Amino acid sequence: MFLKTSFTTLIVGVFVVYVLHTCWVMYGIVYTKPCDTPKGDNCITPFLAGNPKLQLSIYTALRPNAEGGHTLIHKEEIFDVNSKFERMINVSLPKKTRNNGTLYALIFVHQAGVTPLQDSQRVHQVAQLTTYMVPKPPEISLISGEDQTQVEQKQPNRPVSHWRSRLTLNIVSDHFLFDREYLPSDVHRYLRVFQNGKKMVYLPLLFVDELSNRVKDLVINSTSRELPLTISYDSISLGRLRFWIHMQDAVYSLQQFGFTEKDADEIKGIFVDTNLYFLALTFFVAAFHLLFDFLAFKNDISFWKQKKSMVGMSSKAVLWRCFSTIVIFLYLLDEQTSLLVLIPAGIGSMIEVWKVKKAFKIQVFWKGGKPTFLFGKLDESERRTEEYDTLAMKYLSYLLYPLCIGGAVYALIFLRYKSWYSWLINSLVNGKQKHLLQWYMDTHTHTHTHLMFTHGKYHQQNVAYNFLIQMFTSVFFQGSTQWTREE
């Protein structure tokens, strides 16, 4: 007991240190030390302090260095860095871009009345307007098979160029005085300075918000000669700019570790669709979620590792949960869900399989490369529990089986799927309720943790808890399938 308590205390202590360290790092990101002596030689003054007349010019090119020519698509002749705006334009696509090629946007902020190349004090950034990803497999009617051949020809199973329909730009409007000795490394790559007499002046900090560039399911083909582009501009504070730079670098690092464009796009949605303060609160909630998740797995595994008898516990409930968890994992895999959800679901499935092995006292022996399964015997108390368990599942099946079969037949007739396998998995899950499934798994884990620390007889209560939660979700998923599909 002392070792278990000390281990839990150690984990909680590490968690507290982690939260405090995260708070300190976040403070270091959003806070930048200003120059104490504005007239000193160490200060770098902003170019915007002189209220210059600026112009915004945006070009498209096939290469980021504009080799092979460039085309002007938009310009703001009177560009006020403090004024927010949004423009909708149509971009003509070159032939190479239409043939599964790329296209770049060249953004210039320069003095009004001259071209970007004529201004030596211009600011320049490059953004990619296209990205490559494998198109989502088409959904067809499994009964009629309508347009199956034509759709498969239009949707190749290879990465194709997708159009990014939004270009978001930001400029730091704060007249911030940088200190040379405390210049942040993340801002340094966006900083362009020039000598103005004895003073060092930095040009406007132009930032392309890649997090808001969401992947759209619009595949470029030979018939798409023009595509819409939304150009959005807003000023930004220095602290928010530094935070956004770190988030973009984090997303880029995930892509280098093997995350697909779709995975990265889902992560981007967390930052784009959420208020910054609410996002900070979400980080703390996610940290506590991680702690509770770990403690729940730790206590659950510890209990089942020591479990020798299934008296008072439903073995069929354990088997049902294992089956449900595996089906959910296969469903998430079929939907090409983000790895952030898929990996925990896979680990949970393996743990549930291990629980079934413990519950049914299964021993595996390997002979000549083939497994042999040996089931343990039940004592008198376990047989009595098994009789009640079988009786409860019998009456419950009278309600569940008609609902599941009816939902599967309805989906086969009226809905579309990628394949027969996809229909089978969706029918077993009883509808595309990915978010609700994730909520269910998270709620189940959190409730496990709470019961473990507040009740001594946790697993006796867990039998009723498992029964109620799992049967409720099965019926609820079935009932909500039709509503979700019709929406």
Protein backbone atom coordinates (compact mmCIF):
# COMPACT_ATOMS: atom_id res chain seq x y z
CA MET A 1 0.00 0.00 0.00
CA PHE A 2 2.86 2.40 0.82
CA LEU A 3 4.54 1.75 -2.52
CA LYS A 4 1.30 2.32 -4.44
CA THR A 5 0.57 5.52 -2.55
CA SER A 6 4.09 6.84 -3.01
CA PHE A 7 4.01 6.06 -6.72
CA THR A 8 0.71 7.92 -7.14
CA THR A 9 2.08 10.83 -5.13
CA LEU A 10 5.17 10.88 -7.33
CA ILE A 11 3.05 10.99 -10.48
CA VAL A 12 0.91 13.84 -9.09
CA GLY A 13 4.09 15.70 -8.08
CA VAL A 14 5.53 15.34 -11.58
CA PHE A 15 2.23 16.56 -12.99
CA VAL A 16 2.29 19.69 -10.78
CA VAL A 17 5.87 20.43 -11.86
CA TYR A 18 4.85 19.96 -15.49
CA VAL A 19 1.93 22.41 -15.16
CA LEU A 20 4.11 25.02 -13.44
CA HIS A 21 6.82 24.60 -16.08
CA THR A 22 4.22 25.00 -18.84
CA CYS A 23 2.93 28.21 -17.23
CA TRP A 24 6.49 29.57 -17.08
CA VAL A 25 7.15 28.66 -20.73
CA MET A 26 3.88 30.26 -21.84
CA TYR A 27 4.76 33.41 -19.91
CA GLY A 28 8.14 33.50 -21.64
CA ILE A 29 6.40 33.23 -25.02
CA VAL A 30 3.80 35.97 -24.62
CA TYR A 31 6.05 38.40 -22.71
CA THR A 32 8.93 40.19 -24.42
CA LYS A 33 11.27 42.49 -22.48
CA PRO A 34 11.12 46.00 -24.02
CA CYS A 35 14.05 48.36 -24.39
CA ASP A 36 14.45 50.37 -21.16
CA THR A 37 16.23 53.36 -22.76
CA PRO A 38 14.33 54.42 -25.93
CA LYS A 39 17.19 56.71 -27.02
CA GLY A 40 19.92 54.15 -26.37
CA ASP A 41 21.94 52.35 -29.01
CA ASN A 42 20.56 48.95 -28.02
CA CYS A 43 17.01 49.84 -29.03
CA ILE A 44 15.47 48.83 -32.36
CA THR A 45 12.62 51.20 -33.23
CA PRO A 46 9.57 50.32 -35.38
CA PHE A 47 9.24 51.59 -38.94
CA LEU A 48 5.48 51.98 -38.38
CA ALA A 49 6.07 54.67 -35.75
CA GLY A 50 6.55 57.19 -38.60
CA ASN A 51 3.06 56.38 -40.04
CA PRO A 52 4.33 55.62 -43.57
CA LYS A 53 2.00 55.17 -46.53
CA LEU A 54 2.01 51.48 -47.37
CA GLN A 55 0.62 49.22 -50.07
CA LEU A 56 -0.17 45.50 -50.02
CA SER A 57 0.51 43.53 -53.21
CA ILE A 58 -0.11 39.81 -53.68
CA TYR A 59 1.18 37.78 -56.63
CA THR A 60 0.95 34.12 -57.65
CA ALA A 61 3.82 32.09 -59.03
CA LEU A 62 4.67 28.47 -59.78
CA ARG A 63 7.82 28.68 -57.65
CA PRO A 64 8.46 30.40 -54.31
CA ASN A 65 11.29 32.47 -55.80
CA ALA A 66 9.00 33.68 -58.65
CA GLU A 67 11.15 32.07 -61.36
CA GLY A 68 9.12 31.57 -64.48
CA GLY A 69 7.02 34.69 -63.95
CA HIS A 70 4.41 35.96 -61.50
CA THR A 71 0.87 37.36 -61.75
CA LEU A 72 -0.68 40.15 -59.69
CA ILE A 73 -3.98 38.95 -58.17
CA HIS A 74 -4.73 41.67 -55.63
CA LYS A 75 -3.44 44.94 -54.21
CA GLU A 76 -4.50 47.34 -51.47
CA GLU A 77 -3.30 50.76 -52.60
CA ILE A 78 -4.25 52.39 -49.29
CA PHE A 79 -3.14 49.83 -46.73
CA ASP A 80 -3.77 50.68 -43.07
CA VAL A 81 -2.16 48.14 -40.74
CA ASN A 82 -4.77 48.90 -38.05
CA SER A 83 -7.79 48.29 -40.32
CA LYS A 84 -9.20 44.79 -40.59
CA PHE A 85 -10.56 43.65 -43.96
CA GLU A 86 -11.54 40.60 -45.98
CA ARG A 87 -11.53 40.32 -49.76
CA MET A 88 -13.01 37.64 -52.01
CA ILE A 89 -11.21 37.15 -55.33
CA ASN A 90 -10.97 34.55 -58.09
CA VAL A 91 -7.52 33.21 -58.92
CA SER A 92 -6.70 32.00 -62.43
CA LEU A 93 -4.82 28.72 -62.34
CA PRO A 94 -1.90 28.06 -64.67
CA LYS A 95 -1.96 24.89 -66.74
CA LYS A 96 0.78 23.26 -64.64
CA THR A 97 -1.23 23.87 -61.47
CA ARG A 98 -4.35 22.36 -63.03
CA ASN A 99 -2.31 19.28 -63.94
CA ASN A 100 -1.72 18.37 -60.29
CA GLY A 101 0.87 21.12 -59.79
CA THR A 102 1.53 23.70 -57.07
CA LEU A 103 0.91 27.42 -56.74
CA TYR A 104 2.45 29.96 -54.37
CA ALA A 105 1.33 33.37 -53.12
CA LEU A 106 3.99 36.09 -52.89
CA ILE A 107 2.95 38.77 -50.38
CA PHE A 108 4.64 42.18 -50.36
CA VAL A 109 4.17 45.16 -48.04
CA HIS A 110 5.95 48.16 -49.53
CA GLN A 111 5.75 51.92 -49.98
CA ALA A 112 2.67 53.15 -51.81
CA GLY A 113 3.02 54.29 -55.40
CA VAL A 114 5.90 52.01 -56.39
CA THR A 115 6.28 48.36 -57.29
CA PRO A 116 7.73 45.92 -54.72
CA LEU A 117 10.97 45.53 -56.69
CA GLN A 118 11.50 49.31 -56.66
CA ASP A 119 11.26 49.51 -52.86
CA SER A 120 14.39 48.42 -50.97
CA GLN A 121 12.47 48.55 -47.68
CA ARG A 122 9.78 46.07 -48.69
CA VAL A 123 8.62 43.14 -46.58
CA HIS A 124 8.11 39.79 -48.29
CA GLN A 125 6.52 36.45 -47.34
CA VAL A 126 5.63 33.31 -49.31
CA ALA A 127 2.58 31.10 -48.76
CA GLN A 128 1.62 27.87 -50.51
CA LEU A 129 -1.89 27.93 -51.93
CA THR A 130 -1.99 24.22 -52.72
CA THR A 131 -1.23 21.08 -50.76
CA TYR A 132 -1.12 17.39 -51.58
CA MET A 133 -3.27 14.74 -49.96
CA VAL A 134 -5.11 11.56 -50.93
CA PRO A 135 -8.78 12.29 -51.77
CA LYS A 136 -11.40 10.86 -49.48
CA PRO A 137 -12.79 7.61 -50.93
CA PRO A 138 -16.24 8.16 -52.50
CA GLU A 139 -19.38 6.80 -50.87
CA ILE A 140 -21.77 4.83 -53.06
CA SER A 141 -25.04 2.98 -52.74
CA LEU A 142 -24.15 -0.65 -52.04
CA ILE A 143 -27.49 -1.87 -53.39
CA SER A 144 -27.57 -0.04 -56.74
CA GLY A 145 -23.83 0.65 -57.06
CA GLU A 146 -24.65 3.85 -58.96
CA ASP A 147 -21.74 5.75 -60.50
CA GLN A 148 -19.21 3.45 -58.84
CA THR A 149 -17.04 3.02 -61.93
CA GLN A 150 -17.11 6.69 -62.86
CA VAL A 151 -16.34 7.87 -59.34
CA GLU A 152 -13.41 5.51 -58.97
CA GLN A 153 -11.93 6.89 -62.19
CA LYS A 154 -12.27 10.47 -60.96
CA GLN A 155 -10.78 9.79 -57.54
CA PRO A 156 -7.28 8.27 -57.92
CA ASN A 157 -5.72 6.61 -54.91
CA ARG A 158 -2.70 8.91 -54.92
CA PRO A 159 -1.91 12.36 -53.53
CA VAL A 160 -3.48 15.10 -55.62
CA SER A 161 -3.29 18.87 -55.36
CA HIS A 162 -5.92 20.50 -53.12
CA TRP A 163 -6.74 24.18 -53.05
CA ARG A 164 -6.43 26.29 -49.89
CA SER A 165 -9.26 28.78 -50.17
CA ARG A 166 -8.11 31.17 -47.41
CA LEU A 167 -5.05 33.37 -47.06
CA THR A 168 -4.76 35.04 -43.65
CA LEU A 169 -2.23 37.82 -43.08
CA ASN A 170 -1.21 39.64 -39.90
CA ILE A 171 1.07 42.56 -39.07
CA VAL A 172 2.17 43.54 -35.57
CA SER A 173 0.63 46.96 -35.01
CA ASP A 174 2.31 47.56 -31.63
CA HIS A 175 5.07 50.17 -31.69
CA PHE A 176 7.28 47.88 -29.66
CA LEU A 177 10.91 48.79 -28.91
CA PHE A 178 13.12 45.71 -29.13
CA ASP A 179 16.29 45.37 -27.10
CA ARG A 180 19.15 43.86 -29.08
CA GLU A 181 20.31 41.82 -26.09
CA TYR A 182 16.84 40.34 -25.46
CA LEU A 183 15.63 39.82 -29.02
CA PRO A 184 13.38 36.70 -29.13
CA SER A 185 14.70 33.97 -31.40
CA ASP A 186 11.23 33.17 -32.79
CA VAL A 187 10.72 36.77 -33.96
CA HIS A 188 14.25 37.09 -35.32
CA ARG A 189 13.47 35.27 -38.59
CA TYR A 190 10.63 37.72 -39.33
CA LEU A 191 12.69 40.78 -38.44
CA ARG A 192 14.22 42.96 -41.16
CA VAL A 193 16.23 45.97 -39.97
CA PHE A 194 18.03 48.85 -41.65
CA GLN A 195 20.23 51.68 -40.42
CA ASN A 196 18.62 55.11 -40.21
CA GLY A 197 21.37 57.44 -39.02
CA LYS A 198 22.47 56.18 -35.63
CA LYS A 199 19.28 54.23 -35.02
CA MET A 200 18.30 50.72 -36.01
CA VAL A 201 14.78 50.49 -37.46
CA TYR A 202 12.84 47.28 -38.07
CA LEU A 203 10.30 46.92 -40.88
CA PRO A 204 6.69 45.74 -40.28
CA LEU A 205 6.46 42.20 -38.95
CA LEU A 206 4.44 40.42 -41.66
CA PHE A 207 3.07 37.02 -40.70
CA VAL A 208 1.18 34.44 -42.79
CA ASP A 209 -1.20 32.50 -40.55
CA GLU A 210 -0.82 28.91 -41.76
CA LEU A 211 -3.05 27.60 -38.96
CA SER A 212 -6.12 29.13 -40.59
CA ASN A 213 -5.29 27.55 -43.96
CA ARG A 214 -7.63 24.58 -43.71
CA VAL A 215 -7.56 21.83 -46.31
CA LYS A 216 -10.66 21.87 -48.48
CA ASP A 217 -11.99 18.87 -50.39
CA LEU A 218 -11.72 20.70 -53.69
CA VAL A 219 -9.51 18.72 -56.07
CA ILE A 220 -7.87 20.67 -58.87
CA ASN A 221 -8.51 19.17 -62.31
CA SER A 222 -8.28 20.27 -65.94
CA THR A 223 -11.73 21.91 -65.83
CA SER A 224 -10.99 24.25 -62.88
CA ARG A 225 -9.56 27.37 -64.49
CA GLU A 226 -10.46 29.66 -61.60
CA LEU A 227 -10.88 29.05 -57.89
CA PRO A 228 -12.04 31.39 -55.11
CA LEU A 229 -9.59 32.79 -52.57
CA THR A 230 -10.47 34.72 -49.42
CA ILE A 231 -7.80 37.20 -48.37
CA SER A 232 -8.20 38.10 -44.71
CA TYR A 233 -6.11 40.66 -42.82
CA ASP A 234 -6.04 41.75 -39.19
CA SER A 235 -3.50 43.33 -36.89
CA ILE A 236 -1.92 41.21 -34.20
CA SER A 237 -0.15 41.80 -30.91
CA LEU A 238 3.47 40.77 -30.41
CA GLY A 239 2.59 38.22 -27.73
CA ARG A 240 -0.04 36.57 -29.90
CA LEU A 241 2.37 36.54 -32.84
CA ARG A 242 5.01 34.68 -30.84
CA PHE A 243 2.41 32.19 -29.60
CA TRP A 244 1.17 31.58 -33.16
CA ILE A 245 4.74 31.05 -34.40
CA HIS A 246 5.34 28.36 -31.76
CA MET A 247 2.05 26.63 -32.62
CA GLN A 248 2.87 26.58 -36.33
CA ASP A 249 6.30 25.14 -35.59
CA ALA A 250 4.66 22.44 -33.44
CA VAL A 251 2.28 21.45 -36.25
CA TYR A 252 5.18 21.37 -38.71
CA SER A 253 7.17 19.13 -36.35
CA LEU A 254 4.24 16.70 -36.15
CA GLN A 255 4.17 16.50 -39.93
CA GLN A 256 7.89 15.67 -39.94
CA PHE A 257 7.17 12.79 -37.54
CA GLY A 258 4.69 11.25 -39.97
CA PHE A 259 1.40 13.08 -39.31
CA THR A 260 -0.60 13.43 -42.51
CA GLU A 261 -2.04 16.66 -43.87
CA LYS A 262 -5.44 15.59 -42.57
CA ASP A 263 -4.07 15.04 -39.05
CA ALA A 264 -2.39 18.44 -39.13
CA ASP A 265 -5.59 20.03 -40.44
CA GLU A 266 -7.58 18.70 -37.49
CA ILE A 267 -4.99 20.08 -35.08
CA LYS A 268 -5.15 23.46 -36.82
CA GLY A 269 -8.89 23.52 -36.19
CA ILE A 270 -8.23 23.47 -32.45
CA PHE A 271 -6.39 26.80 -32.66
CA VAL A 272 -8.44 28.50 -35.38
CA ASP A 273 -11.93 27.71 -34.07
CA THR A 274 -11.18 28.45 -30.41
CA ASN A 275 -10.77 31.69 -28.50
CA LEU A 276 -7.20 32.19 -27.24
CA TYR A 277 -8.21 32.40 -23.57
CA PHE A 278 -10.50 29.41 -23.89
CA LEU A 279 -7.66 27.60 -25.63
CA ALA A 280 -5.40 28.23 -22.63
CA LEU A 281 -8.12 26.81 -20.38
CA THR A 282 -8.38 23.82 -22.71
CA PHE A 283 -4.66 23.15 -22.29
CA PHE A 284 -5.06 22.91 -18.53
CA VAL A 285 -8.13 20.69 -18.84
CA ALA A 286 -6.23 18.46 -21.27
CA ALA A 287 -3.34 18.23 -18.79
CA PHE A 288 -5.70 17.07 -16.03
CA HIS A 289 -7.32 14.71 -18.53
CA LEU A 290 -3.91 13.19 -19.20
CA LEU A 291 -3.31 12.74 -15.46
CA PHE A 292 -6.71 11.13 -14.87
CA ASP A 293 -6.27 8.96 -17.94
CA PHE A 294 -2.96 7.64 -16.66
CA LEU A 295 -4.27 7.02 -13.13
CA ALA A 296 -7.35 5.25 -14.51
CA PHE A 297 -5.24 2.91 -16.66
CA LYS A 298 -2.83 2.32 -13.78
CA ASN A 299 -5.55 1.36 -11.28
CA ASP A 300 -7.53 -0.64 -13.83
CA ILE A 301 -4.51 -2.71 -14.84
CA SER A 302 -3.46 -3.17 -11.18
CA PHE A 303 -6.90 -4.52 -10.30
CA TRP A 304 -7.11 -6.97 -13.20
CA LYS A 305 -3.55 -8.11 -12.67
CA GLN A 306 -4.47 -9.27 -9.17
CA LYS A 307 -7.96 -10.55 -10.04
CA LYS A 308 -8.34 -14.29 -9.52
CA SER A 309 -12.14 -14.74 -9.32
CA MET A 310 -15.11 -13.32 -11.26
CA VAL A 311 -17.59 -13.66 -8.40
CA GLY A 312 -20.07 -10.76 -8.52
CA MET A 313 -18.75 -9.54 -11.88
CA SER A 314 -20.24 -9.94 -15.33
CA SER A 315 -17.88 -11.75 -17.68
CA LYS A 316 -20.22 -11.03 -20.58
CA ALA A 317 -20.01 -7.31 -19.81
CA VAL A 318 -16.21 -7.58 -20.05
CA LEU A 319 -16.53 -9.46 -23.36
CA TRP A 320 -19.09 -6.94 -24.65
CA ARG A 321 -16.86 -3.98 -23.77
CA CYS A 322 -13.90 -5.66 -25.50
CA PHE A 323 -15.96 -6.22 -28.63
CA SER A 324 -17.31 -2.64 -28.55
CA THR A 325 -13.85 -1.15 -28.10
CA ILE A 326 -12.42 -3.14 -31.03
CA VAL A 327 -15.34 -2.16 -33.26
CA ILE A 328 -14.87 1.50 -32.33
CA PHE A 329 -11.17 1.23 -33.15
CA LEU A 330 -11.94 -0.35 -36.55
CA TYR A 331 -14.51 2.36 -37.23
CA LEU A 332 -12.02 5.13 -36.43
CA LEU A 333 -9.46 3.37 -38.63
CA ASP A 334 -11.95 3.11 -41.50
CA GLU A 335 -12.80 6.82 -41.18
CA GLN A 336 -9.06 7.70 -41.33
CA THR A 337 -9.30 9.47 -38.00
CA SER A 338 -6.42 11.49 -36.60
CA LEU A 339 -3.64 9.55 -34.88
CA LEU A 340 -4.34 11.58 -31.73
CA VAL A 341 -7.59 9.60 -31.38
CA LEU A 342 -6.60 6.38 -33.14
CA ILE A 343 -3.53 5.51 -31.04
CA PRO A 344 -5.29 5.75 -27.61
CA ALA A 345 -8.21 3.75 -29.02
CA GLY A 346 -5.82 1.03 -30.21
CA ILE A 347 -4.09 0.86 -26.82
CA GLY A 348 -7.48 0.66 -25.11
CA SER A 349 -8.48 -2.23 -27.38
CA MET A 350 -5.38 -4.22 -26.45
CA ILE A 351 -6.05 -3.65 -22.75
CA GLU A 352 -9.65 -4.86 -23.16
CA VAL A 353 -8.43 -8.04 -24.91
CA TRP A 354 -6.09 -8.63 -21.97
CA LYS A 355 -9.04 -8.20 -19.57
CA VAL A 356 -11.03 -10.84 -21.46
CA LYS A 357 -8.09 -13.21 -21.11
CA LYS A 358 -8.08 -12.62 -17.34
CA ALA A 359 -11.88 -12.80 -16.97
CA PHE A 360 -12.23 -16.13 -18.78
CA LYS A 361 -8.96 -17.52 -17.36
CA ILE A 362 -7.57 -18.17 -20.82
CA GLN A 363 -4.09 -19.64 -21.17
CA VAL A 364 -2.32 -19.62 -24.54
CA PHE A 365 0.17 -22.35 -25.50
CA TRP A 366 2.15 -22.34 -28.73
CA LYS A 367 2.80 -25.65 -30.46
CA GLY A 368 4.51 -25.67 -33.83
CA GLY A 369 3.67 -22.01 -34.42
CA LYS A 370 -0.05 -22.56 -33.74
CA PRO A 371 -1.76 -21.22 -30.62
CA THR A 372 -3.73 -23.51 -28.31
CA PHE A 373 -6.27 -21.95 -25.93
CA LEU A 374 -7.07 -23.47 -22.54
CA PHE A 375 -10.03 -22.11 -20.53
CA GLY A 376 -10.04 -22.29 -16.75
CA LYS A 377 -12.82 -23.85 -14.70
CA LEU A 378 -15.45 -21.92 -12.74
CA ASP A 379 -16.21 -22.56 -9.09
CA GLU A 380 -19.75 -22.72 -7.66
CA SER A 381 -20.00 -18.97 -6.88
CA GLU A 382 -18.78 -18.03 -10.34
CA ARG A 383 -21.32 -20.40 -11.95
CA ARG A 384 -24.13 -18.71 -10.03
CA THR A 385 -22.93 -15.31 -11.23
CA GLU A 386 -22.76 -16.64 -14.78
CA GLU A 387 -26.38 -17.85 -14.62
CA TYR A 388 -27.67 -14.41 -13.61
CA ASP A 389 -25.48 -12.81 -16.24
CA THR A 390 -26.83 -15.09 -18.99
CA LEU A 391 -30.42 -14.44 -17.93
CA ALA A 392 -29.93 -10.65 -18.02
CA MET A 393 -28.32 -10.74 -21.46
CA LYS A 394 -31.16 -12.95 -22.75
CA TYR A 395 -33.88 -10.42 -21.93
CA LEU A 396 -31.69 -7.54 -23.09
CA SER A 397 -31.14 -9.18 -26.50
CA TYR A 398 -34.90 -9.06 -27.15
CA LEU A 399 -34.56 -5.26 -27.39
CA LEU A 400 -31.07 -4.82 -28.80
CA TYR A 401 -31.04 -7.29 -31.69
CA PRO A 402 -34.12 -5.89 -33.50
CA LEU A 403 -32.75 -2.35 -33.13
CA CYS A 404 -29.31 -3.27 -34.51
CA ILE A 405 -30.67 -5.34 -37.41
CA GLY A 406 -33.27 -2.71 -38.30
CA GLY A 407 -30.68 0.07 -38.27
CA ALA A 408 -28.30 -1.93 -40.45
CA VAL A 409 -31.02 -2.67 -43.04
CA TYR A 410 -32.15 0.98 -43.07
CA ALA A 411 -28.55 2.17 -43.60
CA LEU A 412 -28.00 -0.34 -46.41
CA ILE A 413 -31.06 0.88 -48.31
CA PHE A 414 -30.97 4.64 -47.82
CA LEU A 415 -27.36 5.58 -47.01
CA ARG A 416 -24.05 5.50 -48.90
CA TYR A 417 -20.79 3.85 -47.89
CA LYS A 418 -17.31 3.36 -49.28
CA SER A 419 -17.55 -0.46 -49.22
CA TRP A 420 -19.38 -3.39 -47.66
CA TYR A 421 -16.75 -3.43 -44.90
CA SER A 422 -17.51 0.22 -44.14
CA TRP A 423 -21.23 -0.57 -43.92
CA LEU A 424 -20.56 -3.47 -41.57
CA ILE A 425 -18.38 -1.41 -39.24
CA ASN A 426 -20.84 1.50 -39.22
CA SER A 427 -23.72 -0.86 -38.51
CA LEU A 428 -21.88 -2.40 -35.59
CA VAL A 429 -21.13 1.05 -34.20
CA ASN A 430 -24.77 2.00 -34.96
CA GLY A 431 -24.07 5.22 -36.87
CA LYS A 432 -21.30 7.71 -37.38
CA GLN A 433 -21.10 8.95 -33.81
CA LYS A 434 -17.34 9.47 -33.57
CA HIS A 435 -17.52 12.47 -31.27
CA LEU A 436 -20.14 10.82 -29.10
CA LEU A 437 -18.06 7.65 -28.94
CA GLN A 438 -15.04 9.65 -27.88
CA TRP A 439 -17.14 11.42 -25.25
CA TYR A 440 -18.34 8.05 -24.00
CA MET A 441 -14.83 6.64 -23.67
CA ASP A 442 -13.55 9.77 -21.93
CA THR A 443 -16.53 9.89 -19.55
CA HIS A 444 -16.18 6.19 -18.78
CA THR A 445 -12.47 6.59 -17.96
CA HIS A 446 -13.00 9.67 -15.79
CA THR A 447 -15.81 7.96 -13.88
CA HIS A 448 -13.57 4.94 -13.31
CA THR A 449 -10.93 7.21 -11.79
CA HIS A 450 -13.42 8.97 -9.55
CA LEU A 451 -14.88 5.68 -8.27
CA MET A 452 -11.43 4.21 -7.65
CA PHE A 453 -10.48 7.02 -5.28
CA THR A 454 -13.86 7.48 -3.57
CA HIS A 455 -15.23 3.95 -3.13
CA GLY A 456 -13.60 0.98 -1.52
CA LYS A 457 -15.87 -1.52 -3.25
CA TYR A 458 -15.38 -0.03 -6.67
CA HIS A 459 -15.58 -3.16 -8.82
CA GLN A 460 -18.78 -4.43 -7.26
CA GLN A 461 -20.43 -1.16 -8.24
CA ASN A 462 -18.64 -1.24 -11.59
CA VAL A 463 -20.78 -4.21 -12.71
CA ALA A 464 -23.99 -2.17 -12.56
CA TYR A 465 -22.19 0.87 -13.93
CA ASN A 466 -20.87 -1.03 -16.98
CA PHE A 467 -24.29 -2.53 -17.63
CA LEU A 468 -26.18 0.80 -17.50
CA ILE A 469 -23.66 2.88 -19.46
CA GLN A 470 -23.02 0.36 -22.23
CA MET A 471 -26.67 -0.57 -22.75
CA PHE A 472 -27.70 3.11 -22.73
CA THR A 473 -25.11 4.05 -25.34
CA SER A 474 -26.06 1.08 -27.56
CA VAL A 475 -29.74 2.11 -27.66
CA PHE A 476 -28.90 5.82 -27.90
CA PHE A 477 -26.51 5.33 -30.82
CA GLN A 478 -29.16 3.32 -32.66
CA GLY A 479 -31.85 5.93 -32.07
CA SER A 480 -29.64 8.83 -33.13
CA THR A 481 -28.35 7.17 -36.30
CA GLN A 482 -31.27 8.30 -38.44
CA TRP A 483 -31.22 11.86 -37.06
CA THR A 484 -27.51 12.32 -37.74
CA ARG A 485 -27.69 10.92 -41.27
CA GLU A 486 -30.67 13.05 -42.25
CA GLU A 487 -28.92 16.22 -41.03
